[in-house]
Amino acid sequence: MLNRQKIAESHYLFNGKVLVEDMNHLLGTNIKNGEIDMIGSWILSQEIDVTSNEALVYNEFEFIVKELDGRHIQTIEVVNRQYSLSSTK
């Protein structure tokens, strides 16, 4: 998979190795990464039991783990929930 794939407006698939700072820049998120540099590692650091299709909500974004390889997150779906809700009205 490429680093990212746009599915729709404010709806993406990301490789788990995408840098947090790149995601912050692209989506306007404000993820505080400290010493963690990849988005997959950041999700693992959030103290959730990560399984396939597990979702993590952070501000207006939903991060859904789509593909795992052991304890490594391969693919993440990211949806801006505010955009999704406003576009369905």
N, C-alpha and C. Protein backbone atom coordinates (compact mmCIF):
# COMPACT_ATOMS: atom_id res chain seq x y z
N MET A 1 0.84 -1.19 0.00
CA MET A 1 0.00 0.00 0.00
C MET A 1 0.88 1.24 0.00
N LEU A 2 0.42 2.26 -0.70
CA LEU A 2 1.09 3.55 -0.65
C LEU A 2 0.93 4.13 0.74
N ASN A 3 1.60 5.22 1.01
CA ASN A 3 1.51 5.83 2.34
C ASN A 3 0.09 6.27 2.68
N ARG A 4 -0.64 6.74 1.67
CA ARG A 4 -2.03 7.14 1.92
C ARG A 4 -2.86 7.00 0.66
N GLN A 5 -4.15 6.78 0.88
CA GLN A 5 -5.10 6.67 -0.22
C GLN A 5 -6.34 7.44 0.19
N LYS A 6 -6.75 8.40 -0.60
CA LYS A 6 -7.95 9.18 -0.31
C LYS A 6 -9.16 8.41 -0.80
N ILE A 7 -10.10 8.16 0.12
CA ILE A 7 -11.33 7.44 -0.22
C ILE A 7 -12.42 8.43 -0.60
N ALA A 8 -12.52 9.49 0.19
CA ALA A 8 -13.50 10.56 -0.03
C ALA A 8 -12.98 11.78 0.72
N GLU A 9 -13.71 12.87 0.65
CA GLU A 9 -13.30 14.07 1.38
C GLU A 9 -13.22 13.75 2.87
N SER A 10 -12.06 14.00 3.47
CA SER A 10 -11.81 13.76 4.90
C SER A 10 -11.95 12.29 5.30
N HIS A 11 -11.62 11.39 4.37
CA HIS A 11 -11.70 9.94 4.62
C HIS A 11 -10.52 9.30 3.89
N TYR A 12 -9.58 8.71 4.65
CA TYR A 12 -8.34 8.20 4.09
C TYR A 12 -8.01 6.81 4.63
N LEU A 13 -7.16 6.11 3.89
CA LEU A 13 -6.46 4.93 4.38
C LEU A 13 -4.98 5.32 4.47
N PHE A 14 -4.36 5.00 5.59
CA PHE A 14 -2.95 5.32 5.79
C PHE A 14 -2.17 4.05 6.12
N ASN A 15 -0.95 4.01 5.66
CA ASN A 15 0.00 3.01 6.10
C ASN A 15 0.35 3.35 7.55
N GLY A 16 0.51 2.34 8.40
CA GLY A 16 0.82 2.57 9.81
C GLY A 16 2.15 3.25 10.04
N LYS A 17 2.99 3.31 9.00
CA LYS A 17 4.30 3.93 9.13
C LYS A 17 4.32 5.41 8.76
N VAL A 18 3.16 5.96 8.44
CA VAL A 18 3.09 7.40 8.14
C VAL A 18 3.48 8.17 9.40
N LEU A 19 4.27 9.21 9.21
CA LEU A 19 4.71 10.02 10.35
C LEU A 19 3.55 10.83 10.92
N VAL A 20 3.51 10.91 12.25
CA VAL A 20 2.48 11.69 12.94
C VAL A 20 2.49 13.13 12.44
N GLU A 21 3.67 13.72 12.28
CA GLU A 21 3.74 15.11 11.84
C GLU A 21 3.19 15.27 10.43
N ASP A 22 3.34 14.27 9.55
CA ASP A 22 2.76 14.33 8.21
C ASP A 22 1.24 14.27 8.29
N MET A 23 0.71 13.42 9.16
CA MET A 23 -0.74 13.33 9.33
C MET A 23 -1.29 14.64 9.90
N ASN A 24 -0.60 15.20 10.88
CA ASN A 24 -1.03 16.48 11.44
C ASN A 24 -1.10 17.54 10.34
N HIS A 25 -0.11 17.56 9.47
CA HIS A 25 -0.07 18.54 8.40
C HIS A 25 -1.19 18.31 7.38
N LEU A 26 -1.38 17.06 6.96
CA LEU A 26 -2.37 16.74 5.94
C LEU A 26 -3.81 16.93 6.42
N LEU A 27 -4.10 16.44 7.61
CA LEU A 27 -5.49 16.44 8.09
C LEU A 27 -5.82 17.59 9.04
N GLY A 28 -4.79 18.31 9.50
CA GLY A 28 -5.05 19.37 10.47
C GLY A 28 -5.28 18.83 11.86
N THR A 29 -4.85 17.59 12.09
CA THR A 29 -4.95 17.03 13.44
C THR A 29 -3.89 17.69 14.30
N ASN A 30 -4.00 17.52 15.58
CA ASN A 30 -3.03 18.09 16.51
C ASN A 30 -2.58 16.99 17.47
N ILE A 31 -2.12 15.88 16.88
CA ILE A 31 -1.70 14.74 17.69
C ILE A 31 -0.36 15.07 18.33
N LYS A 32 -0.31 14.95 19.63
CA LYS A 32 0.93 15.14 20.37
C LYS A 32 1.66 13.81 20.37
N ASN A 33 2.82 13.77 19.72
CA ASN A 33 3.48 12.48 19.53
C ASN A 33 4.65 12.23 20.46
N GLY A 34 5.14 13.25 21.17
CA GLY A 34 6.27 13.02 22.07
C GLY A 34 7.42 12.36 21.34
N GLU A 35 7.79 11.17 21.78
CA GLU A 35 8.89 10.45 21.15
C GLU A 35 8.43 9.43 20.12
N ILE A 36 7.15 9.38 19.85
CA ILE A 36 6.60 8.43 18.88
C ILE A 36 6.49 9.13 17.53
N ASP A 37 7.03 8.49 16.50
CA ASP A 37 7.03 9.18 15.21
C ASP A 37 6.02 8.65 14.19
N MET A 38 5.56 7.40 14.31
CA MET A 38 4.64 6.83 13.32
C MET A 38 3.23 6.71 13.89
N ILE A 39 2.25 6.90 13.02
CA ILE A 39 0.85 6.90 13.47
C ILE A 39 0.43 5.54 14.04
N GLY A 40 0.94 4.44 13.48
CA GLY A 40 0.61 3.12 14.03
C GLY A 40 1.13 2.96 15.45
N SER A 41 2.32 3.44 15.71
CA SER A 41 2.90 3.39 17.06
C SER A 41 2.12 4.28 18.02
N TRP A 42 1.66 5.42 17.52
CA TRP A 42 0.87 6.32 18.37
C TRP A 42 -0.42 5.64 18.80
N ILE A 43 -1.10 4.96 17.88
CA ILE A 43 -2.34 4.25 18.23
C ILE A 43 -2.05 3.19 19.28
N LEU A 44 -0.96 2.43 19.11
CA LEU A 44 -0.60 1.41 20.09
C LEU A 44 -0.31 2.02 21.45
N SER A 45 0.16 3.26 21.50
CA SER A 45 0.49 3.91 22.77
C SER A 45 -0.74 4.44 23.51
N GLN A 46 -1.91 4.36 22.91
CA GLN A 46 -3.12 4.93 23.50
C GLN A 46 -3.82 4.00 24.49
N GLU A 47 -3.17 2.93 24.84
CA GLU A 47 -3.67 2.01 25.86
C GLU A 47 -5.04 1.43 25.54
N ILE A 48 -5.20 1.03 24.29
CA ILE A 48 -6.40 0.30 23.90
C ILE A 48 -5.96 -1.09 23.46
N ASP A 49 -6.87 -2.03 23.51
CA ASP A 49 -6.58 -3.38 23.05
C ASP A 49 -6.78 -3.38 21.54
N VAL A 50 -5.69 -3.30 20.79
CA VAL A 50 -5.77 -3.12 19.35
C VAL A 50 -6.06 -4.46 18.67
N THR A 51 -7.18 -4.47 17.98
CA THR A 51 -7.57 -5.60 17.13
C THR A 51 -8.04 -5.02 15.81
N SER A 52 -8.21 -5.88 14.82
CA SER A 52 -8.70 -5.43 13.54
C SER A 52 -10.09 -4.82 13.70
N ASN A 53 -10.31 -3.70 13.07
CA ASN A 53 -11.56 -2.92 13.12
C ASN A 53 -11.77 -2.22 14.45
N GLU A 54 -10.76 -2.20 15.30
CA GLU A 54 -10.82 -1.42 16.55
C GLU A 54 -10.76 0.06 16.20
N ALA A 55 -11.60 0.86 16.84
CA ALA A 55 -11.64 2.30 16.56
C ALA A 55 -11.17 3.10 17.77
N LEU A 56 -10.47 4.16 17.47
CA LEU A 56 -10.01 5.12 18.47
C LEU A 56 -10.48 6.49 18.02
N VAL A 57 -11.20 7.19 18.89
CA VAL A 57 -11.66 8.54 18.57
C VAL A 57 -10.73 9.53 19.24
N TYR A 58 -10.22 10.46 18.45
CA TYR A 58 -9.32 11.51 18.94
C TYR A 58 -9.82 12.82 18.35
N ASN A 59 -10.33 13.68 19.23
CA ASN A 59 -10.98 14.92 18.79
C ASN A 59 -12.06 14.57 17.78
N GLU A 60 -12.05 15.18 16.61
CA GLU A 60 -13.11 14.90 15.63
C GLU A 60 -12.77 13.75 14.69
N PHE A 61 -11.64 13.09 14.91
CA PHE A 61 -11.20 12.02 14.01
C PHE A 61 -11.41 10.64 14.61
N GLU A 62 -11.76 9.71 13.75
CA GLU A 62 -11.87 8.31 14.14
C GLU A 62 -10.79 7.54 13.38
N PHE A 63 -9.96 6.82 14.13
CA PHE A 63 -8.88 6.01 13.59
C PHE A 63 -9.30 4.55 13.73
N ILE A 64 -9.43 3.86 12.61
CA ILE A 64 -9.89 2.47 12.63
C ILE A 64 -8.76 1.58 12.12
N VAL A 65 -8.34 0.65 12.94
CA VAL A 65 -7.28 -0.28 12.55
C VAL A 65 -7.88 -1.27 11.56
N LYS A 66 -7.35 -1.27 10.35
CA LYS A 66 -7.88 -2.15 9.31
C LYS A 66 -7.06 -3.41 9.11
N GLU A 67 -5.75 -3.31 9.33
CA GLU A 67 -4.89 -4.47 9.09
C GLU A 67 -3.76 -4.51 10.10
N LEU A 68 -3.60 -5.66 10.72
CA LEU A 68 -2.54 -5.89 11.70
C LEU A 68 -1.64 -7.02 11.23
N ASP A 69 -0.36 -6.92 11.60
CA ASP A 69 0.59 -8.01 11.41
C ASP A 69 1.27 -8.21 12.75
N GLY A 70 0.72 -9.13 13.54
CA GLY A 70 1.21 -9.28 14.92
C GLY A 70 0.83 -8.04 15.71
N ARG A 71 1.83 -7.36 16.27
CA ARG A 71 1.59 -6.12 17.03
C ARG A 71 1.89 -4.88 16.20
N HIS A 72 2.04 -5.04 14.89
CA HIS A 72 2.32 -3.91 14.01
C HIS A 72 1.07 -3.55 13.23
N ILE A 73 0.70 -2.29 13.30
CA ILE A 73 -0.46 -1.82 12.55
C ILE A 73 -0.01 -1.52 11.12
N GLN A 74 -0.61 -2.19 10.18
CA GLN A 74 -0.26 -2.01 8.77
C GLN A 74 -1.08 -0.92 8.10
N THR A 75 -2.41 -0.94 8.33
CA THR A 75 -3.31 -0.02 7.64
C THR A 75 -4.31 0.58 8.63
N ILE A 76 -4.53 1.89 8.49
CA ILE A 76 -5.44 2.62 9.36
C ILE A 76 -6.39 3.42 8.48
N GLU A 77 -7.67 3.35 8.80
CA GLU A 77 -8.66 4.18 8.14
C GLU A 77 -8.91 5.39 9.04
N VAL A 78 -8.90 6.58 8.46
CA VAL A 78 -9.10 7.80 9.24
C VAL A 78 -10.27 8.57 8.64
N VAL A 79 -11.24 8.90 9.51
CA VAL A 79 -12.43 9.62 9.08
C VAL A 79 -12.61 10.85 9.97
N ASN A 80 -12.84 11.99 9.34
CA ASN A 80 -13.19 13.18 10.09
C ASN A 80 -14.69 13.09 10.38
N ARG A 81 -15.02 12.82 11.62
CA ARG A 81 -16.41 12.58 12.00
C ARG A 81 -17.26 13.83 11.84
N GLN A 82 -16.72 15.01 12.06
CA GLN A 82 -17.49 16.24 11.89
C GLN A 82 -17.86 16.44 10.43
N TYR A 83 -16.91 16.17 9.53
CA TYR A 83 -17.20 16.31 8.11
C TYR A 83 -18.23 15.28 7.67
N SER A 84 -18.08 14.03 8.14
CA SER A 84 -19.00 12.96 7.77
C SER A 84 -20.42 13.28 8.22
N LEU A 85 -20.54 13.79 9.45
CA LEU A 85 -21.87 14.13 9.98
C LEU A 85 -22.49 15.30 9.23
N SER A 86 -21.71 16.33 8.94
CA SER A 86 -22.25 17.52 8.26
C SER A 86 -22.57 17.24 6.80
N SER A 87 -21.88 16.32 6.15
CA SER A 87 -22.14 16.03 4.74
C SER A 87 -23.37 15.15 4.54
N THR A 88 -23.87 14.52 5.61
CA THR A 88 -25.06 13.67 5.48
C THR A 88 -26.35 14.42 5.81
N LYS A 89 -26.23 15.67 6.22
CA LYS A 89 -27.43 16.46 6.57
C LYS A 89 -28.04 17.10 5.35
